[in-house]
Amino acid sequence: MEVRYTDIDYTVFSDAASLMASGESPYKRTTYRYSPLLALLLVPNTIIHRSWGKFIFSASGNLSQAAFWYGLVVHFRVYPIIYALPIILVLDSKLFRSGPKPSLEDWNSHTSSTEKKTFHYERQFSAVEKLISFLPQFTVQLALVFSFSKDLMFSMFLQTVAFVAFNKVITAQYFVWFYCLLPLILPWSRMKLKWEGILCIILWIGAQTHWLLWGYMLEFKGVNVFLQLWMASLVFLAANTFVLVKIIQRHRLSPLFRQYGSSDRKNVKKLD
C-alpha cells in the first residue's frame, strides 16, 4: 500500500534511540524532529525490549509525578502547554472546592488513521506576520479558557479541537489528540445521536475526507491542486467550527469544583 497504517511515530522514536545508543545523533533518523531527551528516554528500547517506551508512556503516579510528566510532555510536544492556564484557574483553592458530578445520560455513540506523511506546508513568515497569524488561534484559546475552564475536561477538549482546527500546520494524526478526550465529555452531552449527532459525524468525516483527498493528490501524485486544497481547507475549518459550536450548545456544564458561597467563606474562616 502507498500509505501504511502503522505505528510510524513510535518506529521513528525507536530508530532515533538506537542511533543515540550507538553514539550517533538521533537526528540522523529521517523525520525525527523531537527533543533529544525523547531518544535518550527510549534507549532501553534497544537494550531491554522494543516495548520499553510504550510502558513508559503509559506510566502514571501522584500529583508531583503528574506535574513532572506534564512538563516533560510539553518539552517533547509543545501543544499541551495550552492546558496550563485552565489547570491553574481550576485549581485555585481560594475560589473552588470539590463538588459532585451530575448523573450520567445515555449516549449511543470513526477513527480515521493515516501515517505521519500526510502533508506539511508552511510559508516562511516574518516575525510580525507570524505573530499576526497566531492571533486567531490565540484569541480562540483565551475565549474558550475563560468561558469553560471550570469544567476542566470540557475546556481541554474544546481547546484541543480549536488548536488543531486553527493551526497553520495540520495532519490527520492531530485528530487523535482530541479523540482520547471524547469519552470524558460525552456523558454530559445532551446531543442525541439521531439526528444531530449523525449530522455532525457525517459533516466532519466528509469535510476531512475531502481535504485528505486533495492533500493525497498533491503530495503522493504530484498534481497541482493548490487551489482545490486551499478551498478544501476552508471547508474543513468551517465544518470543525460548526461541530464545535454544536457540541458547546448541547453540553451540560459540569464544574470540576464548585465555587464557595458567602456562608462557606465564613465557615472556612471559623475553622482557620
Protein backbone atom coordinates (compact mmCIF):
# COMPACT_ATOMS: atom_id res chain seq x y z
CA MET A 1 0.00 0.00 0.00
CA GLU A 2 1.17 3.54 -0.73
CA VAL A 3 0.06 4.80 2.71
CA ARG A 4 0.92 2.40 5.53
CA TYR A 5 -1.30 2.32 8.62
CA THR A 6 1.34 1.57 11.22
CA ASP A 7 2.81 2.97 14.42
CA ILE A 8 5.01 5.38 12.44
CA ASP A 9 5.88 7.78 15.29
CA TYR A 10 6.98 5.02 17.65
CA THR A 11 9.15 3.49 14.94
CA VAL A 12 10.82 6.85 14.33
CA PHE A 13 11.39 7.32 18.09
CA SER A 14 12.88 3.82 18.42
CA ASP A 15 15.21 4.29 15.46
CA ALA A 16 16.44 7.60 16.88
CA ALA A 17 17.04 5.91 20.25
CA SER A 18 19.06 3.18 18.53
CA LEU A 19 21.24 5.83 16.90
CA MET A 20 21.80 7.54 20.25
CA ALA A 21 22.65 4.20 21.89
CA SER A 22 25.36 3.69 19.26
CA GLY A 23 26.81 7.14 19.94
CA GLU A 24 25.32 8.90 16.93
CA SER A 25 22.93 11.80 16.60
CA PRO A 26 19.22 10.86 16.75
CA TYR A 27 18.63 13.47 14.06
CA LYS A 28 20.26 11.18 11.50
CA ARG A 29 16.91 9.40 11.52
CA THR A 30 14.79 10.97 8.78
CA THR A 31 11.65 12.79 10.10
CA TYR A 32 12.91 12.81 13.72
CA ARG A 33 12.40 16.43 14.80
CA TYR A 34 11.79 15.98 18.50
CA SER A 35 13.74 16.57 21.69
CA PRO A 36 16.94 14.51 22.12
CA LEU A 37 15.60 13.69 25.60
CA LEU A 38 12.92 11.56 23.96
CA ALA A 39 15.51 9.46 22.15
CA LEU A 40 17.54 9.21 25.37
CA LEU A 41 14.46 8.07 27.30
CA LEU A 42 13.88 5.28 24.76
CA VAL A 43 17.46 3.95 24.65
CA PRO A 44 16.28 0.89 26.67
CA ASN A 45 14.17 0.03 23.59
CA THR A 46 17.45 -1.20 22.10
CA ILE A 47 18.96 -2.65 25.28
CA ILE A 48 15.98 -4.16 27.15
CA HIS A 49 12.91 -4.51 24.94
CA ARG A 50 11.31 -2.80 21.95
CA SER A 51 8.17 -2.05 24.00
CA TRP A 52 10.02 -0.19 26.78
CA GLY A 53 8.81 3.17 25.52
CA LYS A 54 5.18 2.07 25.42
CA PHE A 55 5.44 1.11 29.09
CA ILE A 56 7.00 4.48 29.97
CA PHE A 57 4.32 6.41 28.05
CA SER A 58 1.53 4.64 29.98
CA ALA A 59 3.03 5.20 33.43
CA SER A 60 1.17 7.41 35.90
CA GLY A 61 1.56 8.49 39.52
CA ASN A 62 0.78 11.10 42.16
CA LEU A 63 0.38 14.85 41.71
CA SER A 64 4.12 15.60 41.77
CA GLN A 65 4.78 12.90 39.22
CA ALA A 66 1.90 14.20 37.11
CA ALA A 67 3.43 17.68 37.14
CA PHE A 68 6.81 16.21 36.15
CA TRP A 69 5.33 14.22 33.26
CA TYR A 70 3.29 17.21 32.13
CA GLY A 71 6.43 19.35 31.94
CA LEU A 72 8.27 16.58 30.10
CA VAL A 73 5.40 16.11 27.63
CA VAL A 74 5.37 19.85 26.88
CA HIS A 75 9.11 19.64 26.23
CA PHE A 76 8.54 16.83 23.71
CA ARG A 77 5.41 18.22 22.05
CA VAL A 78 4.65 21.84 22.86
CA TYR A 79 0.89 21.89 22.20
CA PRO A 80 -0.16 20.58 25.70
CA ILE A 81 1.02 23.95 27.09
CA ILE A 82 -2.46 25.22 26.16
CA TYR A 83 -3.83 23.26 29.14
CA ALA A 84 -1.68 25.10 31.70
CA LEU A 85 -3.94 28.15 32.10
CA PRO A 86 -7.24 26.26 32.68
CA ILE A 87 -5.47 23.92 35.13
CA ILE A 88 -4.15 26.91 37.08
CA LEU A 89 -7.57 28.55 37.09
CA VAL A 90 -9.47 25.45 38.17
CA LEU A 91 -7.01 24.60 40.97
CA ASP A 92 -7.37 27.99 42.67
CA SER A 93 -8.16 26.78 46.20
CA LYS A 94 -9.46 30.21 47.23
CA LEU A 95 -12.35 30.02 44.77
CA PHE A 96 -13.33 26.39 44.39
CA ARG A 97 -13.88 23.18 46.34
CA SER A 98 -14.89 19.63 45.47
CA GLY A 99 -18.39 19.12 44.09
CA PRO A 100 -20.40 16.18 42.71
CA LYS A 101 -20.82 15.43 39.04
CA PRO A 102 -24.33 15.31 37.59
CA SER A 103 -25.82 11.94 36.77
CA LEU A 104 -24.82 10.29 33.52
CA GLU A 105 -27.03 10.42 30.45
CA ASP A 106 -27.35 7.68 27.87
CA TRP A 107 -25.29 8.23 24.77
CA ASN A 108 -25.36 5.97 21.76
CA SER A 109 -22.22 6.63 20.12
CA HIS A 110 -14.71 6.80 13.30
CA THR A 111 -11.50 6.99 13.88
CA SER A 112 -9.56 7.93 10.82
CA SER A 113 -5.96 6.83 10.57
CA THR A 114 -3.16 7.94 8.34
CA GLU A 115 0.61 7.87 8.59
CA LYS A 116 2.77 10.78 9.56
CA LYS A 117 3.45 11.75 5.95
CA THR A 118 0.08 13.35 5.24
CA PHE A 119 1.14 16.82 4.35
CA HIS A 120 3.01 19.75 5.88
CA TYR A 121 3.01 23.03 4.04
CA GLU A 122 4.08 26.23 5.74
CA ARG A 123 5.21 29.56 4.33
CA GLN A 124 8.19 31.48 5.60
CA PHE A 125 6.77 34.38 7.60
CA SER A 126 8.48 37.42 9.03
CA ALA A 127 8.31 37.81 12.81
CA VAL A 128 5.37 40.25 12.57
CA GLU A 129 3.47 38.05 10.11
CA LYS A 130 3.96 35.04 12.36
CA LEU A 131 2.61 36.96 15.34
CA ILE A 132 -0.43 38.11 13.37
CA SER A 133 -1.02 34.61 12.03
CA PHE A 134 -1.26 33.28 15.59
CA LEU A 135 -3.82 35.89 16.71
CA PRO A 136 -6.98 33.99 15.63
CA GLN A 137 -5.74 30.81 17.31
CA PHE A 138 -4.61 32.68 20.43
CA THR A 139 -7.88 34.62 20.67
CA VAL A 140 -10.00 31.49 20.36
CA GLN A 141 -7.90 29.73 23.01
CA LEU A 142 -8.33 32.57 25.51
CA ALA A 143 -12.07 32.78 24.86
CA LEU A 144 -12.51 29.06 25.49
CA VAL A 145 -10.34 29.02 28.61
CA PHE A 146 -12.12 31.89 30.34
CA SER A 147 -15.54 30.58 29.32
CA PHE A 148 -15.18 26.89 30.21
CA SER A 149 -12.12 26.39 32.45
CA LYS A 150 -14.26 25.44 35.47
CA ASP A 151 -15.35 22.35 33.50
CA LEU A 152 -11.74 21.28 33.01
CA MET A 153 -12.18 18.22 30.80
CA PHE A 154 -14.60 20.02 28.51
CA SER A 155 -12.28 23.03 28.31
CA MET A 156 -9.33 20.81 27.37
CA PHE A 157 -11.38 19.09 24.68
CA LEU A 158 -12.55 22.38 23.16
CA GLN A 159 -9.06 23.85 23.31
CA THR A 160 -7.56 20.83 21.55
CA VAL A 161 -10.15 20.81 18.75
CA ALA A 162 -9.75 24.57 18.25
CA PHE A 163 -5.95 24.37 18.40
CA VAL A 164 -5.90 21.73 15.65
CA ALA A 165 -8.58 23.43 13.52
CA PHE A 166 -6.95 26.88 13.61
CA ASN A 167 -3.34 25.71 13.42
CA LYS A 168 -1.28 26.71 10.37
CA VAL A 169 0.08 23.17 10.02
CA ILE A 170 -2.22 20.17 10.29
CA THR A 171 -2.04 16.44 9.66
CA ALA A 172 -4.67 13.76 10.21
CA GLN A 173 -2.76 12.34 13.18
CA TYR A 174 -3.52 15.51 15.13
CA PHE A 175 -7.16 14.40 15.38
CA VAL A 176 -6.08 11.70 17.83
CA TRP A 177 -5.26 14.49 20.29
CA PHE A 178 -8.93 15.17 20.92
CA TYR A 179 -10.34 11.69 20.17
CA CYS A 180 -8.94 10.50 23.50
CA LEU A 181 -10.87 13.23 25.36
CA LEU A 182 -14.26 12.41 23.85
CA PRO A 183 -15.20 9.71 26.42
CA LEU A 184 -14.68 12.29 29.18
CA ILE A 185 -17.29 14.72 27.81
CA LEU A 186 -19.90 12.59 26.04
CA PRO A 187 -21.77 11.57 29.24
CA TRP A 188 -22.59 15.25 29.85
CA SER A 189 -23.78 15.95 26.32
CA ARG A 190 -27.46 16.49 25.53
CA MET A 191 -26.81 15.86 21.83
CA LYS A 192 -28.67 12.81 20.59
CA LEU A 193 -27.07 10.52 18.05
CA LYS A 194 -30.24 10.72 15.95
CA TRP A 195 -30.23 13.05 14.03
CA GLU A 196 -27.99 15.86 15.19
CA GLY A 197 -25.13 13.58 16.23
CA ILE A 198 -25.19 11.74 12.90
CA LEU A 199 -25.22 15.06 11.04
CA CYS A 200 -22.13 16.28 12.89
CA ILE A 201 -20.29 12.99 12.32
CA ILE A 202 -21.10 12.89 8.59
CA LEU A 203 -20.22 16.56 8.13
CA TRP A 204 -16.87 16.26 9.92
CA ILE A 205 -15.82 12.98 8.26
CA GLY A 206 -16.96 14.23 4.84
CA ALA A 207 -15.03 17.51 5.12
CA GLN A 208 -11.95 15.65 6.39
CA THR A 209 -12.08 13.07 3.59
CA HIS A 210 -12.46 15.84 1.01
CA TRP A 211 -9.45 17.64 2.48
CA LEU A 212 -7.32 14.46 2.63
CA LEU A 213 -8.16 13.63 -0.99
CA TRP A 214 -6.64 16.85 -2.31
CA GLY A 215 -3.67 16.51 0.06
CA TYR A 216 -3.06 13.00 -1.29
CA MET A 217 -3.30 14.20 -4.88
CA LEU A 218 -0.73 16.93 -4.20
CA GLU A 219 1.82 15.04 -2.11
CA PHE A 220 1.63 11.48 -3.44
CA LYS A 221 0.57 12.11 -7.05
CA GLY A 222 2.32 15.43 -7.63
CA VAL A 223 -0.77 17.04 -9.15
CA ASN A 224 -1.07 20.84 -8.99
CA VAL A 225 -4.18 21.14 -6.81
CA PHE A 226 -3.13 24.01 -4.53
CA LEU A 227 -6.33 25.97 -5.17
CA GLN A 228 -8.57 22.96 -4.55
CA LEU A 229 -6.59 22.11 -1.40
CA TRP A 230 -6.95 25.68 -0.10
CA MET A 231 -10.72 25.60 -0.70
CA ALA A 232 -10.98 22.18 0.96
CA SER A 233 -9.10 23.58 3.96
CA LEU A 234 -11.62 26.41 4.30
CA VAL A 235 -14.50 23.92 4.12
CA PHE A 236 -12.81 21.74 6.74
CA LEU A 237 -12.28 24.73 9.06
CA ALA A 238 -15.96 25.66 8.67
CA ALA A 239 -17.01 22.07 9.44
CA ASN A 240 -14.80 21.97 12.55
CA THR A 241 -16.23 25.27 13.75
CA PHE A 242 -19.83 24.16 13.14
CA VAL A 243 -19.36 20.87 15.03
CA LEU A 244 -17.55 22.65 17.87
CA VAL A 245 -20.41 25.15 18.28
CA LYS A 246 -22.96 22.31 18.27
CA ILE A 247 -21.01 20.44 20.96
CA ILE A 248 -20.88 23.58 23.12
CA GLN A 249 -24.61 24.21 22.70
CA ARG A 250 -25.51 20.66 23.74
CA HIS A 251 -23.08 20.29 26.62
CA ARG A 252 -24.25 20.42 30.23
CA LEU A 253 -21.50 22.27 32.11
CA SER A 254 -20.12 20.26 34.99
CA PRO A 255 -17.56 22.25 37.03
CA LEU A 256 -14.79 20.12 38.48
CA PHE A 257 -15.07 22.22 41.64
CA ARG A 258 -17.95 24.36 42.82
CA GLN A 259 -17.47 27.96 43.88
CA TYR A 260 -17.60 28.98 47.53
CA GLY A 261 -20.70 30.78 48.71
CA SER A 262 -20.60 33.56 51.29
CA SER A 263 -21.61 31.18 54.11
CA ASP A 264 -18.89 28.76 53.07
CA ARG A 265 -16.28 31.50 53.33
CA LYS A 266 -17.41 32.30 56.92
CA ASN A 267 -17.17 28.63 57.89
CA VAL A 268 -13.68 28.45 56.45
CA LYS A 269 -12.62 31.47 58.46
CA LYS A 270 -14.00 29.94 61.67
CA LEU A 271 -12.15 26.72 61.02
CA ASP A 272 -8.94 28.67 60.46
